[in-house]
PDB file of N, CA and C in Angstrom:
ATOM      1  N   MET A   1      -1.239  29.739  18.356  1.00  0.00           N
ATOM      2  CA  MET A   1      -0.518  29.471  19.550  1.00  0.00           C
ATOM      3  C   MET A   1      -1.066  28.396  20.411  1.00  0.00           C
ATOM      4  N   GLU A   2      -2.424  28.238  20.300  1.00  0.00           N
ATOM      5  CA  GLU A   2      -3.064  27.272  21.091  1.00  0.00           C
ATOM      6  C   GLU A   2      -2.752  25.688  20.625  1.00  0.00           C
ATOM      7  N   SER A   3      -2.494  25.871  19.317  1.00  0.00           N
ATOM      8  CA  SER A   3      -2.171  24.483  18.771  1.00  0.00           C
ATOM      9  C   SER A   3      -0.998  23.806  19.259  1.00  0.00           C
ATOM     10  N   LEU A   4      -0.053  24.663  19.678  1.00  0.00           N
ATOM     11  CA  LEU A   4       1.330  24.047  20.282  1.00  0.00           C
ATOM     12  C   LEU A   4       1.062  23.375  21.548  1.00  0.00           C
ATOM     13  N   ILE A   5       0.040  23.750  22.348  1.00  0.00           N
ATOM     14  CA  ILE A   5      -0.274  23.045  23.570  1.00  0.00           C
ATOM     15  C   ILE A   5      -0.660  21.493  23.165  1.00  0.00           C
ATOM     16  N   ILE A   6      -1.326  21.421  22.005  1.00  0.00           N
ATOM     17  CA  ILE A   6      -1.657  19.981  21.707  1.00  0.00           C
ATOM     18  C   ILE A   6      -0.619  19.293  20.989  1.00  0.00           C
ATOM     19  N   LEU A   7       0.213  20.078  20.098  1.00  0.00           N
ATOM     20  CA  LEU A   7       1.163  19.516  19.213  1.00  0.00           C
ATOM     21  C   LEU A   7       2.345  18.923  19.931  1.00  0.00           C
ATOM     22  N   ILE A   8       2.811  19.829  20.850  1.00  0.00           N
ATOM     23  CA  ILE A   8       4.114  19.323  21.555  1.00  0.00           C
ATOM     24  C   ILE A   8       3.827  18.156  22.449  1.00  0.00           C
ATOM     25  N   PRO A   9       2.955  18.022  23.141  1.00  0.00           N
ATOM     26  CA  PRO A   9       2.602  16.688  23.915  1.00  0.00           C
ATOM     27  C   PRO A   9       2.472  15.608  22.886  1.00  0.00           C
ATOM     28  N   LEU A  10       1.739  15.780  21.829  1.00  0.00           N
ATOM     29  CA  LEU A  10       1.505  14.777  20.808  1.00  0.00           C
ATOM     30  C   LEU A  10       2.734  14.285  20.209  1.00  0.00           C
ATOM     31  N   ALA A  11       3.749  15.155  19.880  1.00  0.00           N
ATOM     32  CA  ALA A  11       5.097  14.991  19.322  1.00  0.00           C
ATOM     33  C   ALA A  11       5.835  14.138  20.422  1.00  0.00           C
ATOM     34  N   LEU A  12       5.843  14.475  21.542  1.00  0.00           N
ATOM     35  CA  LEU A  12       6.610  13.816  22.570  1.00  0.00           C
ATOM     36  C   LEU A  12       6.025  12.303  22.728  1.00  0.00           C
ATOM     37  N   ILE A  13       4.723  12.244  22.615  1.00  0.00           N
ATOM     38  CA  ILE A  13       4.188  10.897  22.686  1.00  0.00           C
ATOM     39  C   ILE A  13       4.585   9.965  21.549  1.00  0.00           C
ATOM     40  N   LEU A  14       4.575  10.584  20.303  1.00  0.00           N
ATOM     41  CA  LEU A  14       4.932   9.851  19.105  1.00  0.00           C
ATOM     42  C   LEU A  14       6.460   9.433  19.240  1.00  0.00           C
ATOM     43  N   ILE A  15       7.304  10.272  19.764  1.00  0.00           N
ATOM     44  CA  ILE A  15       8.696   9.966  19.841  1.00  0.00           C
ATOM     45  C   ILE A  15       8.953   8.890  20.899  1.00  0.00           C
ATOM     46  N   ALA A  16       8.266   8.878  21.998  1.00  0.00           N
ATOM     47  CA  ALA A  16       8.297   7.922  22.990  1.00  0.00           C
ATOM     48  C   ALA A  16       7.865   6.566  22.429  1.00  0.00           C
ATOM     49  N   VAL A  17       6.729   6.556  21.638  1.00  0.00           N
ATOM     50  CA  VAL A  17       6.380   5.327  20.997  1.00  0.00           C
ATOM     51  C   VAL A  17       7.253   4.767  19.972  1.00  0.00           C
ATOM     52  N   ALA A  18       7.925   5.651  19.113  1.00  0.00           N
ATOM     53  CA  ALA A  18       8.967   5.155  18.285  1.00  0.00           C
ATOM     54  C   ALA A  18      10.116   4.549  18.908  1.00  0.00           C
ATOM     55  N   ILE A  19      10.584   5.307  19.991  1.00  0.00           N
ATOM     56  CA  ILE A  19      11.755   4.733  20.714  1.00  0.00           C
ATOM     57  C   ILE A  19      11.479   3.387  21.307  1.00  0.00           C
ATOM     58  N   LYS A  20      10.249   3.246  21.941  1.00  0.00           N
ATOM     59  CA  LYS A  20       9.822   1.988  22.497  1.00  0.00           C
ATOM     60  C   LYS A  20       9.748   0.873  21.412  1.00  0.00           C
ATOM     61  N   LEU A  21       9.231   1.089  20.264  1.00  0.00           N
ATOM     62  CA  LEU A  21       9.147   0.185  19.191  1.00  0.00           C
ATOM     63  C   LEU A  21      10.494  -0.095  18.707  1.00  0.00           C
ATOM     64  N   PHE A  22      11.497   0.796  18.505  1.00  0.00           N
ATOM     65  CA  PHE A  22      12.852   0.479  18.181  1.00  0.00           C
ATOM     66  C   PHE A  22      13.510  -0.413  19.171  1.00  0.00           C
ATOM     67  N   PHE A  23      13.372  -0.261  20.458  1.00  0.00           N
ATOM     68  CA  PHE A  23      14.114  -1.096  21.381  1.00  0.00           C
ATOM     69  C   PHE A  23      13.393  -2.491  21.528  1.00  0.00           C
ATOM     70  N   TRP A  24      12.101  -2.495  21.226  1.00  0.00           N
ATOM     71  CA  TRP A  24      11.452  -3.682  21.162  1.00  0.00           C
ATOM     72  C   TRP A  24      11.906  -4.628  19.967  1.00  0.00           C
ATOM     73  N   ALA A  25      12.187  -3.956  18.805  1.00  0.00           N
ATOM     74  CA  ALA A  25      12.676  -4.698  17.707  1.00  0.00           C
ATOM     75  C   ALA A  25      14.137  -5.035  17.783  1.00  0.00           C
ATOM     76  N   VAL A  26      14.776  -4.266  18.539  1.00  0.00           N
ATOM     77  CA  VAL A  26      16.235  -4.694  18.892  1.00  0.00           C
ATOM     78  C   VAL A  26      16.288  -5.919  19.793  1.00  0.00           C
ATOM     79  N   ASP A  27      15.470  -5.847  20.852  1.00  0.00           N
ATOM     80  CA  ASP A  27      15.544  -6.911  21.703  1.00  0.00           C
ATOM     81  C   ASP A  27      14.903  -8.221  21.179  1.00  0.00           C
ATOM     82  N   ASP A  28      13.989  -8.123  20.167  1.00  0.00           N
ATOM     83  CA  ASP A  28      13.414  -9.222  19.508  1.00  0.00           C
ATOM     84  C   ASP A  28      14.339  -9.842  18.361  1.00  0.00           C
ATOM     85  N   GLY A  29      15.418  -9.233  18.085  1.00  0.00           N
ATOM     86  CA  GLY A  29      16.388  -9.788  17.145  1.00  0.00           C
ATOM     87  C   GLY A  29      16.126  -9.453  15.647  1.00  0.00           C
ATOM     88  N   GLN A  30      15.289  -8.390  15.503  1.00  0.00           N
ATOM     89  CA  GLN A  30      15.168  -7.980  14.164  1.00  0.00           C
ATOM     90  C   GLN A  30      16.266  -7.586  13.411  1.00  0.00           C
ATOM     91  N   PHE A  31      17.340  -7.155  14.029  1.00  0.00           N
ATOM     92  CA  PHE A  31      18.570  -6.526  13.425  1.00  0.00           C
ATOM     93  C   PHE A  31      19.760  -7.528  13.589  1.00  0.00           C
ATOM     94  N   ASP A  32      19.547  -8.821  14.112  1.00  0.00           N
ATOM     95  CA  ASP A  32      20.633  -9.609  14.252  1.00  0.00           C
ATOM     96  C   ASP A  32      21.211 -10.142  12.907  1.00  0.00           C
ATOM     97  N   ASP A  33      20.463 -10.517  12.003  1.00  0.00           N
ATOM     98  CA  ASP A  33      21.103 -11.131  10.739  1.00  0.00           C
ATOM     99  C   ASP A  33      20.365 -10.264   9.608  1.00  0.00           C
ATOM    100  N   LEU A  34      21.130  -9.345   9.045  1.00  0.00           N
ATOM    101  CA  LEU A  34      20.510  -8.542   8.107  1.00  0.00           C
ATOM    102  C   LEU A  34      20.735  -9.008   6.691  1.00  0.00           C
ATOM    103  N   GLU A  35      21.690  -9.897   6.529  1.00  0.00           N
ATOM    104  CA  GLU A  35      21.979 -10.357   5.104  1.00  0.00           C
ATOM    105  C   GLU A  35      21.536 -11.807   4.941  1.00  0.00           C
ATOM    106  N   GLY A  36      21.195 -12.635   5.887  1.00  0.00           N
ATOM    107  CA  GLY A  36      20.809 -13.928   5.860  1.00  0.00           C
ATOM    108  C   GLY A  36      19.456 -14.137   5.064  1.00  0.00           C
ATOM    109  N   PRO A  37      18.438 -13.453   5.465  1.00  0.00           N
ATOM    110  CA  PRO A  37      17.260 -13.563   4.801  1.00  0.00           C
ATOM    111  C   PRO A  37      17.230 -13.043   3.299  1.00  0.00           C
ATOM    112  N   ALA A  38      18.176 -12.099   3.035  1.00  0.00           N
ATOM    113  CA  ALA A  38      18.230 -11.472   1.669  1.00  0.00           C
ATOM    114  C   ALA A  38      18.861 -12.567   0.795  1.00  0.00           C
ATOM    115  N   HIS A  39      19.852 -13.350   1.327  1.00  0.00           N
ATOM    116  CA  HIS A  39      20.488 -14.339   0.512  1.00  0.00           C
ATOM    117  C   HIS A  39      19.729 -15.624   0.433  1.00  0.00           C
ATOM    118  N   SER A  40      18.869 -15.930   1.523  1.00  0.00           N
ATOM    119  CA  SER A  40      18.215 -17.154   1.587  1.00  0.00           C
ATOM    120  C   SER A  40      17.160 -17.245   0.389  1.00  0.00           C
ATOM    121  N   ILE A  41      16.605 -16.167  -0.057  1.00  0.00           N
ATOM    122  CA  ILE A  41      15.603 -16.313  -1.036  1.00  0.00           C
ATOM    123  C   ILE A  41      16.183 -16.540  -2.321  1.00  0.00           C
ATOM    124  N   LEU A  42      17.658 -16.365  -2.530  1.00  0.00           N
ATOM    125  CA  LEU A  42      18.201 -16.663  -3.764  1.00  0.00           C
ATOM    126  C   LEU A  42      18.604 -18.074  -3.817  1.00  0.00           C
ATOM    127  N   PHE A  43      18.989 -18.749  -2.637  1.00  0.00           N
ATOM    128  CA  PHE A  43      19.460 -20.121  -2.667  1.00  0.00           C
ATOM    129  C   PHE A  43      18.485 -21.142  -2.244  1.00  0.00           C
ATOM    130  N   ASP A  44      17.349 -20.761  -1.583  1.00  0.00           N
ATOM    131  CA  ASP A  44      16.334 -21.711  -1.218  1.00  0.00           C
ATOM    132  C   ASP A  44      15.683 -22.186  -2.359  1.00  0.00           C
ATOM    133  N   GLU A  45      15.585 -23.430  -2.719  1.00  0.00           N
ATOM    134  CA  GLU A  45      14.817 -24.109  -3.740  1.00  0.00           C
ATOM    135  C   GLU A  45      13.892 -25.092  -3.123  1.00  0.00           C
ATOM    136  N   PRO A  46      12.586 -24.965  -3.138  1.00  0.00           N
ATOM    137  CA  PRO A  46      11.885 -26.077  -2.593  1.00  0.00           C
ATOM    138  C   PRO A  46      12.062 -27.314  -3.444  1.00  0.00           C
ATOM    139  N   GLN A  47      12.319 -28.337  -2.706  1.00  0.00           N
ATOM    140  CA  GLN A  47      12.633 -29.709  -3.224  1.00  0.00           C
ATOM    141  C   GLN A  47      11.391 -30.296  -3.970  1.00  0.00           C
ATOM    142  N   GLN A  48      10.219 -30.049  -3.334  1.00  0.00           N
ATOM    143  CA  GLN A  48       8.913 -30.775  -3.879  1.00  0.00           C
ATOM    144  C   GLN A  48       8.508 -30.125  -5.259  1.00  0.00           C
ATOM    145  N   ILE A  49       8.652 -28.866  -5.422  1.00  0.00           N
ATOM    146  CA  ILE A  49       8.345 -28.208  -6.733  1.00  0.00           C
ATOM    147  C   ILE A  49       9.402 -28.793  -7.716  1.00  0.00           C
ATOM    148  N   ALA A  50      10.699 -28.841  -7.389  1.00  0.00           N
ATOM    149  CA  ALA A  50      11.497 -29.308  -8.429  1.00  0.00           C
ATOM    150  C   ALA A  50      11.295 -30.714  -8.823  1.00  0.00           C
ATOM    151  N   LYS A  51      10.894 -31.622  -7.888  1.00  0.00           N
ATOM    152  CA  LYS A  51      10.546 -32.941  -8.184  1.00  0.00           C
ATOM    153  C   LYS A  51       9.319 -33.114  -9.039  1.00  0.00           C
ATOM    154  N   ALA A  52       8.392 -32.068  -8.719  1.00  0.00           N
ATOM    155  CA  ALA A  52       7.095 -32.051  -9.574  1.00  0.00           C
ATOM    156  C   ALA A  52       7.323 -31.750 -11.002  1.00  0.00           C
ATOM    157  N   ASN A  53       8.152 -30.742 -11.092  1.00  0.00           N
ATOM    158  CA  ASN A  53       8.581 -30.266 -12.472  1.00  0.00           C
ATOM    159  C   ASN A  53       9.357 -31.306 -13.251  1.00  0.00           C
ATOM    160  N   ALA A  54      10.085 -32.185 -12.549  1.00  0.00           N
ATOM    161  CA  ALA A  54      10.854 -33.129 -13.217  1.00  0.00           C
ATOM    162  C   ALA A  54       9.961 -34.214 -13.698  1.00  0.00           C
ATOM    163  N   HIS A  55       8.957 -34.523 -12.964  1.00  0.00           N
ATOM    164  CA  HIS A  55       7.922 -35.510 -13.337  1.00  0.00           C
ATOM    165  C   HIS A  55       6.920 -35.015 -14.507  1.00  0.00           C
ATOM    166  N   ASP A  56       6.892 -33.761 -14.504  1.00  0.00           N
ATOM    167  CA  ASP A  56       5.952 -33.150 -15.531  1.00  0.00           C
ATOM    168  C   ASP A  56       6.701 -33.205 -17.010  1.00  0.00           C
ATOM    169  N   HIS A  57       7.982 -33.189 -17.009  1.00  0.00           N
ATOM    170  CA  HIS A  57       8.648 -33.097 -18.235  1.00  0.00           C
ATOM    171  C   HIS A  57       8.975 -34.382 -18.839  1.00  0.00           C
ATOM    172  N   LYS A  58       8.780 -35.421 -18.066  1.00  0.00           N
ATOM    173  CA  LYS A  58       9.111 -36.810 -18.543  1.00  0.00           C
ATOM    174  C   LYS A  58       7.955 -37.314 -19.464  1.00  0.00           C
TER     175      LYS A  58
END
């Protein structure tokens, strides 16, 4: 029973920290573009590496 005296405030503090982190992430724009970074890894190709590979094959 004494452990509830410690665990209940600890749980409330953890919930408050989680809510603060969630709102910080929303305000920082972490959830603005959910698909862009996932698609950019498929379509971005560094131009320098492509040119270096073209010179190596000649």
